[in-house]
């Protein structure tokens, strides 16, 4: 009786059809953040490994700042700071811009800092002698990286890339704090419309969805790592 009074299993099951349609928005934001973040992270990684001390300082400084800034603080800095700077410097008003843009910017910046270290460490994990040997037989440095270094570094980076993707999906749950309606935003709208009743059921449903997504991503990246590692192991064995 006590359990039935405070927890409605039927409401829990009914929450899934209400939440799942908004999952595509969560995936879209995470996908864009991963895309832009990876590109920026690649640039930062090369800046860190380059010969220019100034670029190294800039790249390492960026990573440090991003790591030391809580996600929710960064989100609000972008949400309020970007329109302010846009209006102050370029006289462009961004008040009516889609909230999702600020969410993508925020988590792209955060993911870039993460990926810069993942990419840098993955490239440095490859024996430098392979690059030197490739160049010595006539390949250009770019060809050596593209054909020899990058494919191996990709395999090394896969586990951390998967962990980063899961982290971005979970951190993206904070986007509702600026009024963005993804799966978490929808959950909070449902709770508000019910005057905070059945909040437990809604959050359990939300947690289950995130658990399933995280486990699936983890398993997919495990399979990818094993598949790509077979080739590298066979090459080493030969």
C-alpha atoms as a PDB file:
ATOM      1  CA  UNK A   1       0.000   0.000   0.000  1.00  0.00           C
ATOM      2  CA  UNK A   2       2.780   2.432   0.936  1.00  0.00           C
ATOM      3  CA  UNK A   3       4.639   1.614  -2.299  1.00  0.00           C
ATOM      4  CA  UNK A   4       1.540   2.106  -4.452  1.00  0.00           C
ATOM      5  CA  UNK A   5       0.806   5.425  -2.749  1.00  0.00           C
ATOM      6  CA  UNK A   6       4.134   6.982  -3.695  1.00  0.00           C
ATOM      7  CA  UNK A   7       5.066   5.086  -6.853  1.00  0.00           C
ATOM      8  CA  UNK A   8       2.931   4.332  -9.913  1.00  0.00           C
ATOM      9  CA  UNK A   9       4.469   1.655 -12.142  1.00  0.00           C
ATOM     10  CA  UNK A  10       1.913   2.321 -14.880  1.00  0.00           C
ATOM     11  CA  UNK A  11       2.904   5.982 -14.974  1.00  0.00           C
ATOM     12  CA  UNK A  12       6.546   4.914 -15.265  1.00  0.00           C
ATOM     13  CA  UNK A  13       5.807   2.807 -18.352  1.00  0.00           C
ATOM     14  CA  UNK A  14       3.674   5.603 -19.771  1.00  0.00           C
ATOM     15  CA  UNK A  15       6.558   8.063 -19.438  1.00  0.00           C
ATOM     16  CA  UNK A  16       8.679   6.352 -22.091  1.00  0.00           C
ATOM     17  CA  UNK A  17       6.421   7.194 -25.082  1.00  0.00           C
ATOM     18  CA  UNK A  18       6.375  10.815 -23.919  1.00  0.00           C
ATOM     19  CA  UNK A  19      10.155  11.085 -23.581  1.00  0.00           C
ATOM     20  CA  UNK A  20      11.573   8.998 -26.425  1.00  0.00           C
ATOM     21  CA  UNK A  21      10.479  11.303 -29.308  1.00  0.00           C
ATOM     22  CA  UNK A  22      12.747  14.004 -27.847  1.00  0.00           C
ATOM     23  CA  UNK A  23      15.739  11.694 -27.892  1.00  0.00           C
ATOM     24  CA  UNK A  24      16.464  12.710 -31.494  1.00  0.00           C
ATOM     25  CA  UNK A  25      17.054  16.281 -30.307  1.00  0.00           C
ATOM     26  CA  UNK A  26      19.505  15.060 -27.682  1.00  0.00           C
ATOM     27  CA  UNK A  27      21.317  12.976 -30.312  1.00  0.00           C
ATOM     28  CA  UNK A  28      21.390  15.871 -32.790  1.00  0.00           C
ATOM     29  CA  UNK A  29      22.988  18.239 -30.281  1.00  0.00           C
ATOM     30  CA  UNK A  30      25.489  15.622 -29.128  1.00  0.00           C
ATOM     31  CA  UNK A  31      26.337  14.702 -32.720  1.00  0.00           C
ATOM     32  CA  UNK A  32      27.020  18.301 -33.731  1.00  0.00           C
ATOM     33  CA  UNK A  33      29.049  18.909 -30.566  1.00  0.00           C
ATOM     34  CA  UNK A  34      31.140  15.805 -31.271  1.00  0.00           C
ATOM     35  CA  UNK A  35      31.680  16.829 -34.913  1.00  0.00           C
ATOM     36  CA  UNK A  36      32.760  20.416 -34.225  1.00  0.00           C
ATOM     37  CA  UNK A  37      34.561  19.443 -31.032  1.00  0.00           C
ATOM     38  CA  UNK A  38      36.597  16.766 -32.799  1.00  0.00           C
ATOM     39  CA  UNK A  39      37.661  19.171 -35.557  1.00  0.00           C
ATOM     40  CA  UNK A  40      38.701  21.819 -33.037  1.00  0.00           C
ATOM     41  CA  UNK A  41      40.320  19.158 -30.850  1.00  0.00           C
ATOM     42  CA  UNK A  42      42.391  17.960 -33.809  1.00  0.00           C
ATOM     43  CA  UNK A  43      43.602  21.515 -34.412  1.00  0.00           C
ATOM     44  CA  UNK A  44      44.442  21.957 -30.727  1.00  0.00           C
ATOM     45  CA  UNK A  45      46.300  18.639 -30.661  1.00  0.00           C
ATOM     46  CA  UNK A  46      48.547  19.723 -33.540  1.00  0.00           C
ATOM     47  CA  UNK A  47      49.090  23.080 -31.865  1.00  0.00           C
ATOM     48  CA  UNK A  48      50.255  21.246 -28.728  1.00  0.00           C
ATOM     49  CA  UNK A  49      52.621  19.039 -30.736  1.00  0.00           C
ATOM     50  CA  UNK A  50      53.876  21.844 -32.969  1.00  0.00           C
ATOM     51  CA  UNK A  51      57.112  23.774 -32.646  1.00  0.00           C
ATOM     52  CA  UNK A  52      55.529  27.150 -31.900  1.00  0.00           C
ATOM     53  CA  UNK A  53      55.718  27.879 -28.172  1.00  0.00           C
ATOM     54  CA  UNK A  54      52.970  30.482 -28.463  1.00  0.00           C
ATOM     55  CA  UNK A  55      50.554  28.021 -30.064  1.00  0.00           C
ATOM     56  CA  UNK A  56      51.455  25.410 -27.446  1.00  0.00           C
ATOM     57  CA  UNK A  57      50.694  27.851 -24.641  1.00  0.00           C
ATOM     58  CA  UNK A  58      47.391  28.856 -26.261  1.00  0.00           C
ATOM     59  CA  UNK A  59      46.301  25.233 -26.774  1.00  0.00           C
ATOM     60  CA  UNK A  60      47.309  24.081 -23.294  1.00  0.00           C
ATOM     61  CA  UNK A  61      45.751  27.194 -21.768  1.00  0.00           C
ATOM     62  CA  UNK A  62      42.478  26.528 -23.581  1.00  0.00           C
ATOM     63  CA  UNK A  63      42.403  22.942 -22.332  1.00  0.00           C
ATOM     64  CA  UNK A  64      43.123  24.024 -18.764  1.00  0.00           C
ATOM     65  CA  UNK A  65      40.391  26.674 -18.795  1.00  0.00           C
ATOM     66  CA  UNK A  66      37.809  24.246 -20.211  1.00  0.00           C
ATOM     67  CA  UNK A  67      38.720  21.556 -17.689  1.00  0.00           C
ATOM     68  CA  UNK A  68      38.489  23.979 -14.780  1.00  0.00           C
ATOM     69  CA  UNK A  69      35.106  25.405 -15.812  1.00  0.00           C
ATOM     70  CA  UNK A  70      32.004  23.469 -14.697  1.00  0.00           C
ATOM     71  CA  UNK A  71      29.744  22.551 -17.600  1.00  0.00           C
ATOM     72  CA  UNK A  72      26.778  24.514 -16.297  1.00  0.00           C
ATOM     73  CA  UNK A  73      28.931  27.621 -15.755  1.00  0.00           C
ATOM     74  CA  UNK A  74      30.308  27.358 -19.291  1.00  0.00           C
ATOM     75  CA  UNK A  75      26.778  26.926 -20.629  1.00  0.00           C
ATOM     76  CA  UNK A  76      25.613  30.160 -19.013  1.00  0.00           C
ATOM     77  CA  UNK A  77      28.786  31.989 -20.054  1.00  0.00           C
ATOM     78  CA  UNK A  78      28.080  31.057 -23.671  1.00  0.00           C
ATOM     79  CA  UNK A  79      24.342  31.701 -23.371  1.00  0.00           C
ATOM     80  CA  UNK A  80      24.803  35.231 -22.021  1.00  0.00           C
ATOM     81  CA  UNK A  81      28.309  36.008 -23.257  1.00  0.00           C
ATOM     82  CA  UNK A  82      28.002  35.256 -26.974  1.00  0.00           C
ATOM     83  CA  UNK A  83      25.000  37.599 -27.555  1.00  0.00           C
ATOM     84  CA  UNK A  84      26.691  40.290 -25.452  1.00  0.00           C
ATOM     85  CA  UNK A  85      29.959  40.117 -27.412  1.00  0.00           C
ATOM     86  CA  UNK A  86      28.108  39.881 -30.719  1.00  0.00           C
ATOM     87  CA  UNK A  87      26.172  43.056 -29.989  1.00  0.00           C
ATOM     88  CA  UNK A  88      29.082  44.929 -28.412  1.00  0.00           C
ATOM     89  CA  UNK A  89      31.645  44.127 -31.113  1.00  0.00           C
ATOM     90  CA  UNK A  90      29.611  43.626 -34.289  1.00  0.00           C
ATOM     91  CA  UNK A  91      26.221  45.203 -33.467  1.00  0.00           C
ATOM     92  CA  UNK A  92      24.516  41.895 -34.272  1.00  0.00           C
ATOM     93  CA  UNK A  93      21.516  40.982 -32.116  1.00  0.00           C
ATOM     94  CA  UNK A  94      21.248  37.307 -31.194  1.00  0.00           C
ATOM     95  CA  UNK A  95      18.348  37.444 -28.749  1.00  0.00           C
ATOM     96  CA  UNK A  96      16.067  35.417 -31.026  1.00  0.00           C
ATOM     97  CA  UNK A  97      18.600  32.753 -31.961  1.00  0.00           C
ATOM     98  CA  UNK A  98      17.665  29.115 -31.354  1.00  0.00           C
ATOM     99  CA  UNK A  99      18.733  28.016 -27.874  1.00  0.00           C
ATOM    100  CA  UNK A 100      20.208  24.826 -29.275  1.00  0.00           C
ATOM    101  CA  UNK A 101      22.958  26.847 -30.965  1.00  0.00           C
ATOM    102  CA  UNK A 102      24.336  27.895 -27.576  1.00  0.00           C
ATOM    103  CA  UNK A 103      24.137  24.314 -26.353  1.00  0.00           C
ATOM    104  CA  UNK A 104      26.099  23.058 -29.370  1.00  0.00           C
ATOM    105  CA  UNK A 105      28.718  25.801 -28.952  1.00  0.00           C
ATOM    106  CA  UNK A 106      29.142  25.021 -25.261  1.00  0.00           C
ATOM    107  CA  UNK A 107      29.627  21.300 -25.594  1.00  0.00           C
ATOM    108  CA  UNK A 108      31.714  21.634 -28.753  1.00  0.00           C
ATOM    109  CA  UNK A 109      34.162  23.778 -26.779  1.00  0.00           C
ATOM    110  CA  UNK A 110      34.161  21.283 -23.941  1.00  0.00           C
ATOM    111  CA  UNK A 111      34.521  18.239 -26.184  1.00  0.00           C
ATOM    112  CA  UNK A 112      37.374  19.905 -28.084  1.00  0.00           C
ATOM    113  CA  UNK A 113      39.426  20.236 -24.905  1.00  0.00           C
ATOM    114  CA  UNK A 114      38.833  16.581 -24.125  1.00  0.00           C
ATOM    115  CA  UNK A 115      39.614  15.393 -27.651  1.00  0.00           C
ATOM    116  CA  UNK A 116      42.772  17.471 -27.956  1.00  0.00           C
ATOM    117  CA  UNK A 117      44.353  15.360 -25.216  1.00  0.00           C
ATOM    118  CA  UNK A 118      42.893  12.116 -26.559  1.00  0.00           C
ATOM    119  CA  UNK A 119      44.211  12.783 -30.076  1.00  0.00           C
ATOM    120  CA  UNK A 120      47.593  14.044 -28.881  1.00  0.00           C
ATOM    121  CA  UNK A 121      48.181  11.055 -26.611  1.00  0.00           C
ATOM    122  CA  UNK A 122      47.017   8.636 -29.330  1.00  0.00           C
ATOM    123  CA  UNK A 123      49.447  10.080 -31.896  1.00  0.00           C
ATOM    124  CA  UNK A 124      52.321  10.131 -29.401  1.00  0.00           C
ATOM    125  CA  UNK A 125      51.594   6.486 -28.547  1.00  0.00           C
ATOM    126  CA  UNK A 126      52.647   5.473 -32.070  1.00  0.00           C
ATOM    127  CA  UNK A 127      56.342   4.673 -32.467  1.00  0.00           C
ATOM    128  CA  UNK A 128      58.047   7.712 -33.968  1.00  0.00           C
ATOM    129  CA  UNK A 129      60.272   5.411 -35.985  1.00  0.00           C
ATOM    130  CA  UNK A 130      57.320   4.488 -38.204  1.00  0.00           C
ATOM    131  CA  UNK A 131      56.931   8.110 -39.276  1.00  0.00           C
ATOM    132  CA  UNK A 132      60.648   8.464 -39.934  1.00  0.00           C
ATOM    133  CA  UNK A 133      60.717   5.225 -41.927  1.00  0.00           C
ATOM    134  CA  UNK A 134      57.730   6.316 -44.024  1.00  0.00           C
ATOM    135  CA  UNK A 135      59.356   9.652 -44.858  1.00  0.00           C
ATOM    136  CA  UNK A 136      62.665   7.949 -45.653  1.00  0.00           C
ATOM    137  CA  UNK A 137      61.031   5.811 -48.367  1.00  0.00           C
ATOM    138  CA  UNK A 138      59.596   8.843 -50.131  1.00  0.00           C
ATOM    139  CA  UNK A 139      56.295   9.650 -48.453  1.00  0.00           C
ATOM    140  CA  UNK A 140      55.574  13.272 -47.608  1.00  0.00           C
ATOM    141  CA  UNK A 141      54.948  14.047 -43.915  1.00  0.00           C
ATOM    142  CA  UNK A 142      51.218  14.405 -44.643  1.00  0.00           C
ATOM    143  CA  UNK A 143      51.132  11.056 -46.474  1.00  0.00           C
ATOM    144  CA  UNK A 144      53.009   9.422 -43.599  1.00  0.00           C
ATOM    145  CA  UNK A 145      50.497  10.729 -41.093  1.00  0.00           C
ATOM    146  CA  UNK A 146      47.497   9.860 -43.256  1.00  0.00           C
ATOM    147  CA  UNK A 147      48.587   6.338 -44.217  1.00  0.00           C
ATOM    148  CA  UNK A 148      50.650   5.211 -41.226  1.00  0.00           C
ATOM    149  CA  UNK A 149      50.104   7.280 -38.088  1.00  0.00           C
ATOM    150  CA  UNK A 150      46.419   8.262 -38.195  1.00  0.00           C
ATOM    151  CA  UNK A 151      44.993   4.747 -38.752  1.00  0.00           C
ATOM    152  CA  UNK A 152      46.898   3.406 -35.737  1.00  0.00           C
ATOM    153  CA  UNK A 153      46.164   6.457 -33.605  1.00  0.00           C
ATOM    154  CA  UNK A 154      42.479   6.063 -34.463  1.00  0.00           C
ATOM    155  CA  UNK A 155      42.435   2.609 -32.850  1.00  0.00           C
ATOM    156  CA  UNK A 156      44.269   3.898 -29.772  1.00  0.00           C
ATOM    157  CA  UNK A 157      41.840   6.819 -29.406  1.00  0.00           C
ATOM    158  CA  UNK A 158      38.618   4.798 -29.859  1.00  0.00           C
ATOM    159  CA  UNK A 159      37.980   3.886 -26.178  1.00  0.00           C
ATOM    160  CA  UNK A 160      38.505   7.442 -24.946  1.00  0.00           C
ATOM    161  CA  UNK A 161      36.451   8.810 -27.834  1.00  0.00           C
ATOM    162  CA  UNK A 162      33.577   6.548 -26.801  1.00  0.00           C
ATOM    163  CA  UNK A 163      33.880   7.674 -23.192  1.00  0.00           C
ATOM    164  CA  UNK A 164      33.872  11.284 -24.363  1.00  0.00           C
ATOM    165  CA  UNK A 165      30.718  10.714 -26.394  1.00  0.00           C
ATOM    166  CA  UNK A 166      28.950   9.240 -23.368  1.00  0.00           C
ATOM    167  CA  UNK A 167      30.141  12.153 -21.231  1.00  0.00           C
ATOM    168  CA  UNK A 168      28.819  14.723 -23.717  1.00  0.00           C
ATOM    169  CA  UNK A 169      25.437  13.000 -23.867  1.00  0.00           C
ATOM    170  CA  UNK A 170      25.216  13.094 -20.090  1.00  0.00           C
ATOM    171  CA  UNK A 171      26.526  16.644 -19.742  1.00  0.00           C
ATOM    172  CA  UNK A 172      23.991  17.716 -22.356  1.00  0.00           C
ATOM    173  CA  UNK A 173      21.290  17.026 -19.788  1.00  0.00           C
ATOM    174  CA  UNK A 174      22.157  20.440 -18.331  1.00  0.00           C
ATOM    175  CA  UNK A 175      20.823  22.181 -21.445  1.00  0.00           C
ATOM    176  CA  UNK A 176      17.320  22.381 -19.969  1.00  0.00           C
ATOM    177  CA  UNK A 177      18.609  25.033 -17.536  1.00  0.00           C
ATOM    178  CA  UNK A 178      18.590  27.603 -20.371  1.00  0.00           C
ATOM    179  CA  UNK A 179      15.193  26.513 -21.654  1.00  0.00           C
ATOM    180  CA  UNK A 180      16.339  23.984 -24.251  1.00  0.00           C
ATOM    181  CA  UNK A 181      13.784  21.232 -24.752  1.00  0.00           C
ATOM    182  CA  UNK A 182      15.504  17.922 -25.327  1.00  0.00           C
ATOM    183  CA  UNK A 183      14.650  14.693 -23.531  1.00  0.00           C
ATOM    184  CA  UNK A 184      15.562  16.142 -20.111  1.00  0.00           C
ATOM    185  CA  UNK A 185      13.752  19.384 -20.860  1.00  0.00           C
ATOM    186  CA  UNK A 186      10.644  17.411 -21.806  1.00  0.00           C
ATOM    187  CA  UNK A 187      10.896  15.413 -18.577  1.00  0.00           C
ATOM    188  CA  UNK A 188      10.924  18.609 -16.546  1.00  0.00           C
ATOM    189  CA  UNK A 189       7.981  20.008 -18.518  1.00  0.00           C
ATOM    190  CA  UNK A 190       5.973  16.869 -17.729  1.00  0.00           C
ATOM    191  CA  UNK A 191       6.810  17.149 -14.041  1.00  0.00           C
ATOM    192  CA  UNK A 192       5.878  20.839 -13.978  1.00  0.00           C
ATOM    193  CA  UNK A 193       2.575  20.182 -15.727  1.00  0.00           C
ATOM    194  CA  UNK A 194       1.778  17.590 -13.049  1.00  0.00           C
ATOM    195  CA  UNK A 195       2.624  20.038 -10.239  1.00  0.00           C
ATOM    196  CA  UNK A 196       5.713  17.955  -9.340  1.00  0.00           C
ATOM    197  CA  UNK A 197       3.747  14.746  -8.873  1.00  0.00           C
ATOM    198  CA  UNK A 198       5.169  11.516 -10.337  1.00  0.00           C
ATOM    199  CA  UNK A 199       8.614  13.123 -10.521  1.00  0.00           C
ATOM    200  CA  UNK A 200      10.234   9.898  -9.324  1.00  0.00           C
ATOM    201  CA  UNK A 201       8.694   7.855 -12.128  1.00  0.00           C
ATOM    202  CA  UNK A 202       9.752  10.398 -14.755  1.00  0.00           C
ATOM    203  CA  UNK A 203      13.342  10.537 -13.548  1.00  0.00           C
ATOM    204  CA  UNK A 204      13.580   6.753 -13.307  1.00  0.00           C
ATOM    205  CA  UNK A 205      12.389   6.506 -16.920  1.00  0.00           C
ATOM    206  CA  UNK A 206      14.945   9.152 -17.881  1.00  0.00           C
ATOM    207  CA  UNK A 207      17.711   7.308 -16.043  1.00  0.00           C
ATOM    208  CA  UNK A 208      16.831   4.019 -17.754  1.00  0.00           C
ATOM    209  CA  UNK A 209      17.002   5.692 -21.169  1.00  0.00           C
ATOM    210  CA  UNK A 210      20.452   7.119 -20.405  1.00  0.00           C
ATOM    211  CA  UNK A 211      21.634   3.772 -19.010  1.00  0.00           C
ATOM    212  CA  UNK A 212      20.597   1.953 -22.172  1.00  0.00           C
ATOM    213  CA  UNK A 213      22.192   4.572 -24.451  1.00  0.00           C
ATOM    214  CA  UNK A 214      25.464   4.533 -22.496  1.00  0.00           C
ATOM    215  CA  UNK A 215      25.672   0.733 -22.453  1.00  0.00           C
ATOM    216  CA  UNK A 216      24.940   0.498 -26.190  1.00  0.00           C
ATOM    217  CA  UNK A 217      27.592   3.121 -27.031  1.00  0.00           C
ATOM    218  CA  UNK A 218      30.099   1.359 -24.789  1.00  0.00           C
ATOM    219  CA  UNK A 219      29.447  -2.012 -26.447  1.00  0.00           C
ATOM    220  CA  UNK A 220      29.603  -0.529 -29.961  1.00  0.00           C
ATOM    221  CA  UNK A 221      32.986   1.062 -29.289  1.00  0.00           C
ATOM    222  CA  UNK A 222      34.250  -2.174 -27.724  1.00  0.00           C
ATOM    223  CA  UNK A 223      33.311  -4.022 -30.921  1.00  0.00           C
ATOM    224  CA  UNK A 224      34.888  -1.323 -33.096  1.00  0.00           C
ATOM    225  CA  UNK A 225      38.099  -1.426 -31.093  1.00  0.00           C
ATOM    226  CA  UNK A 226      38.312  -5.225 -31.393  1.00  0.00           C
ATOM    227  CA  UNK A 227      37.541  -5.108 -35.116  1.00  0.00           C
ATOM    228  CA  UNK A 228      40.162  -2.463 -35.904  1.00  0.00           C
ATOM    229  CA  UNK A 229      42.722  -4.001 -33.544  1.00  0.00           C
ATOM    230  CA  UNK A 230      42.693  -7.312 -35.440  1.00  0.00           C
ATOM    231  CA  UNK A 231      44.390  -5.681 -38.393  1.00  0.00           C
ATOM    232  CA  UNK A 232      47.070  -4.023 -36.307  1.00  0.00           C
ATOM    233  CA  UNK A 233      47.780  -7.253 -34.400  1.00  0.00           C
ATOM    234  CA  UNK A 234      48.136  -9.236 -37.608  1.00  0.00           C
ATOM    235  CA  UNK A 235      50.563  -6.646 -38.989  1.00  0.00           C
ATOM    236  CA  UNK A 236      52.673  -6.782 -35.820  1.00  0.00           C
ATOM    237  CA  UNK A 237      52.624 -10.594 -35.843  1.00  0.00           C
ATOM    238  CA  UNK A 238      53.838 -10.734 -39.414  1.00  0.00           C
END
